[in-house]
Amino acid sequence: MGPIEVKRFFGGFGLVQAGVQFAFVMKGTLYLRVDDATRPDFERLGAVPFSYATSASTVKVASYYEAPVDALEDPHALREWATKALASALGARKPARRKSAS
């Protein structure tokens, strides 16, 4: 995958490659970026989206799911899931806004 930076991310750590966050670790759990194409793969394995509680409700973040448990024990499988997560994160990036000529 190449070099990965680890950056502070709220109460955990974000995993970033080339300026794009594709995963994070929160309270000891690894979450990977998903998109419409990869989300069913996570759900099929029983993975759940990242969620957190507010005073009013529980908020689910549907763009990040727990990493599959089996992948955490197999570095090759984890690299495949992380590569898919990076592709999802890259696909979700908004194009840079161009400054208009004034």
C-alpha atoms as a PDB file:
ATOM      1  CA  MET A   1       0.000   0.000   0.000  1.00  0.00           C
ATOM      2  CA  GLY A   2       2.914   2.335   0.534  1.00  0.00           C
ATOM      3  CA  PRO A   3       3.535   4.731   3.416  1.00  0.00           C
ATOM      4  CA  ILE A   4       0.650   5.304   5.806  1.00  0.00           C
ATOM      5  CA  GLU A   5       0.523   8.172   8.259  1.00  0.00           C
ATOM      6  CA  VAL A   6      -1.117   7.849  11.647  1.00  0.00           C
ATOM      7  CA  LYS A   7      -2.794  11.067  12.793  1.00  0.00           C
ATOM      8  CA  ARG A   8      -4.822  12.019  15.826  1.00  0.00           C
ATOM      9  CA  PHE A   9      -8.522  11.682  15.081  1.00  0.00           C
ATOM     10  CA  PHE A  10     -10.911  12.748  17.835  1.00  0.00           C
ATOM     11  CA  GLY A  11     -10.352  10.156  20.596  1.00  0.00           C
ATOM     12  CA  GLY A  12      -8.477   7.760  18.332  1.00  0.00           C
ATOM     13  CA  PHE A  13      -6.170   7.648  15.335  1.00  0.00           C
ATOM     14  CA  GLY A  14      -6.748   8.111  11.612  1.00  0.00           C
ATOM     15  CA  LEU A  15      -4.876   6.162   8.941  1.00  0.00           C
ATOM     16  CA  VAL A  16      -3.982   8.392   6.012  1.00  0.00           C
ATOM     17  CA  GLN A  17      -2.289   7.799   2.699  1.00  0.00           C
ATOM     18  CA  ALA A  18      -1.422  10.638   0.331  1.00  0.00           C
ATOM     19  CA  GLY A  19      -3.557  13.014   2.378  1.00  0.00           C
ATOM     20  CA  VAL A  20      -6.643  10.783   2.281  1.00  0.00           C
ATOM     21  CA  GLN A  21      -8.032   9.151   5.426  1.00  0.00           C
ATOM     22  CA  PHE A  22      -9.237   5.630   4.681  1.00  0.00           C
ATOM     23  CA  ALA A  23      -9.498   4.142   8.172  1.00  0.00           C
ATOM     24  CA  PHE A  24      -9.414   4.964  11.848  1.00  0.00           C
ATOM     25  CA  VAL A  25      -9.025   3.238  15.178  1.00  0.00           C
ATOM     26  CA  MET A  26     -11.439   4.194  17.930  1.00  0.00           C
ATOM     27  CA  LYS A  27     -11.538   2.481  21.339  1.00  0.00           C
ATOM     28  CA  GLY A  28      -9.442  -0.387  20.023  1.00  0.00           C
ATOM     29  CA  THR A  29     -11.593  -1.072  16.950  1.00  0.00           C
ATOM     30  CA  LEU A  30     -10.404  -0.593  13.369  1.00  0.00           C
ATOM     31  CA  TYR A  31     -12.959   0.997  11.032  1.00  0.00           C
ATOM     32  CA  LEU A  32     -12.492   1.055   7.255  1.00  0.00           C
ATOM     33  CA  ARG A  33     -14.000   3.432   4.710  1.00  0.00           C
ATOM     34  CA  VAL A  34     -16.799   1.889   2.641  1.00  0.00           C
ATOM     35  CA  ASP A  35     -18.868   2.938  -0.343  1.00  0.00           C
ATOM     36  CA  ASP A  36     -22.000   1.573  -1.987  1.00  0.00           C
ATOM     37  CA  ALA A  37     -19.968  -1.119  -3.755  1.00  0.00           C
ATOM     38  CA  THR A  38     -18.063  -2.409  -0.694  1.00  0.00           C
ATOM     39  CA  ARG A  39     -20.648  -1.909   2.094  1.00  0.00           C
ATOM     40  CA  PRO A  40     -22.486  -5.189   1.264  1.00  0.00           C
ATOM     41  CA  ASP A  41     -19.209  -7.115   1.684  1.00  0.00           C
ATOM     42  CA  PHE A  42     -18.866  -5.782   5.222  1.00  0.00           C
ATOM     43  CA  GLU A  43     -22.513  -6.371   6.068  1.00  0.00           C
ATOM     44  CA  ARG A  44     -22.363  -9.950   4.746  1.00  0.00           C
ATOM     45  CA  LEU A  45     -19.631 -10.627   7.321  1.00  0.00           C
ATOM     46  CA  GLY A  46     -21.646  -9.091  10.145  1.00  0.00           C
ATOM     47  CA  ALA A  47     -19.597  -5.894  10.429  1.00  0.00           C
ATOM     48  CA  VAL A  48     -21.409  -2.839  11.745  1.00  0.00           C
ATOM     49  CA  PRO A  49     -20.954   0.865  11.026  1.00  0.00           C
ATOM     50  CA  PHE A  50     -19.147   3.153  13.424  1.00  0.00           C
ATOM     51  CA  SER A  51     -21.566   4.756  15.852  1.00  0.00           C
ATOM     52  CA  TYR A  52     -21.422   7.084  18.815  1.00  0.00           C
ATOM     53  CA  ALA A  53     -23.897   8.278  21.387  1.00  0.00           C
ATOM     54  CA  THR A  54     -25.014  11.858  21.838  1.00  0.00           C
ATOM     55  CA  SER A  55     -27.256  13.131  24.599  1.00  0.00           C
ATOM     56  CA  ALA A  56     -30.221  12.793  22.239  1.00  0.00           C
ATOM     57  CA  SER A  57     -29.525   9.657  20.183  1.00  0.00           C
ATOM     58  CA  THR A  58     -27.009   7.258  18.680  1.00  0.00           C
ATOM     59  CA  VAL A  59     -25.412   8.444  15.452  1.00  0.00           C
ATOM     60  CA  LYS A  60     -24.352   5.865  12.851  1.00  0.00           C
ATOM     61  CA  VAL A  61     -21.603   6.789  10.418  1.00  0.00           C
ATOM     62  CA  ALA A  62     -22.442   4.667   7.379  1.00  0.00           C
ATOM     63  CA  SER A  63     -19.188   5.474   5.574  1.00  0.00           C
ATOM     64  CA  TYR A  64     -16.992   3.549   8.054  1.00  0.00           C
ATOM     65  CA  TYR A  65     -17.504  -0.081   9.100  1.00  0.00           C
ATOM     66  CA  GLU A  66     -15.652  -2.356  11.490  1.00  0.00           C
ATOM     67  CA  ALA A  67     -12.867  -4.273   9.826  1.00  0.00           C
ATOM     68  CA  PRO A  68     -13.766  -7.941   9.385  1.00  0.00           C
ATOM     69  CA  VAL A  69     -12.501  -9.940  12.369  1.00  0.00           C
ATOM     70  CA  ASP A  70     -10.794 -12.551  10.193  1.00  0.00           C
ATOM     71  CA  ALA A  71      -8.817  -9.834   8.401  1.00  0.00           C
ATOM     72  CA  LEU A  72      -7.307  -8.643  11.673  1.00  0.00           C
ATOM     73  CA  GLU A  73      -5.531 -11.985  12.002  1.00  0.00           C
ATOM     74  CA  ASP A  74      -4.301 -12.205   8.404  1.00  0.00           C
ATOM     75  CA  PRO A  75      -1.999  -9.417   7.151  1.00  0.00           C
ATOM     76  CA  HIS A  76      -2.640 -10.268   3.494  1.00  0.00           C
ATOM     77  CA  ALA A  77      -6.412 -10.131   3.933  1.00  0.00           C
ATOM     78  CA  LEU A  78      -6.121  -6.916   5.934  1.00  0.00           C
ATOM     79  CA  ARG A  79      -4.115  -5.313   3.133  1.00  0.00           C
ATOM     80  CA  GLU A  80      -6.848  -6.273   0.636  1.00  0.00           C
ATOM     81  CA  TRP A  81      -9.580  -4.722   2.828  1.00  0.00           C
ATOM     82  CA  ALA A  82      -7.449  -1.622   3.456  1.00  0.00           C
ATOM     83  CA  THR A  83      -6.791  -1.241  -0.279  1.00  0.00           C
ATOM     84  CA  LYS A  84     -10.549  -1.352  -0.922  1.00  0.00           C
ATOM     85  CA  ALA A  85     -11.061   1.206   1.865  1.00  0.00           C
ATOM     86  CA  LEU A  86      -8.492   3.532   0.294  1.00  0.00           C
ATOM     87  CA  ALA A  87     -10.234   3.205  -3.093  1.00  0.00           C
ATOM     88  CA  SER A  88     -13.558   4.043  -1.402  1.00  0.00           C
ATOM     89  CA  ALA A  89     -12.021   7.085   0.275  1.00  0.00           C
ATOM     90  CA  LEU A  90     -10.447   8.271  -2.977  1.00  0.00           C
ATOM     91  CA  GLY A  91     -13.776   7.848  -4.769  1.00  0.00           C
ATOM     92  CA  ALA A  92     -15.539   9.928  -2.127  1.00  0.00           C
ATOM     93  CA  ARG A  93     -13.175  12.878  -2.433  1.00  0.00           C
ATOM     94  CA  LYS A  94     -14.747  15.994  -3.758  1.00  0.00           C
ATOM     95  CA  PRO A  95     -12.930  17.569  -6.692  1.00  0.00           C
ATOM     96  CA  ALA A  96     -10.794  20.523  -5.733  1.00  0.00           C
ATOM     97  CA  ARG A  97     -12.526  23.809  -6.308  1.00  0.00           C
ATOM     98  CA  ARG A  98     -10.907  25.920  -8.956  1.00  0.00           C
ATOM     99  CA  LYS A  99     -10.458  29.565  -8.345  1.00  0.00           C
ATOM    100  CA  SER A 100     -12.170  31.609 -10.973  1.00  0.00           C
ATOM    101  CA  ALA A 101     -10.138  34.107 -12.915  1.00  0.00           C
ATOM    102  CA  SER A 102     -11.086  37.587 -11.797  1.00  0.00           C
END
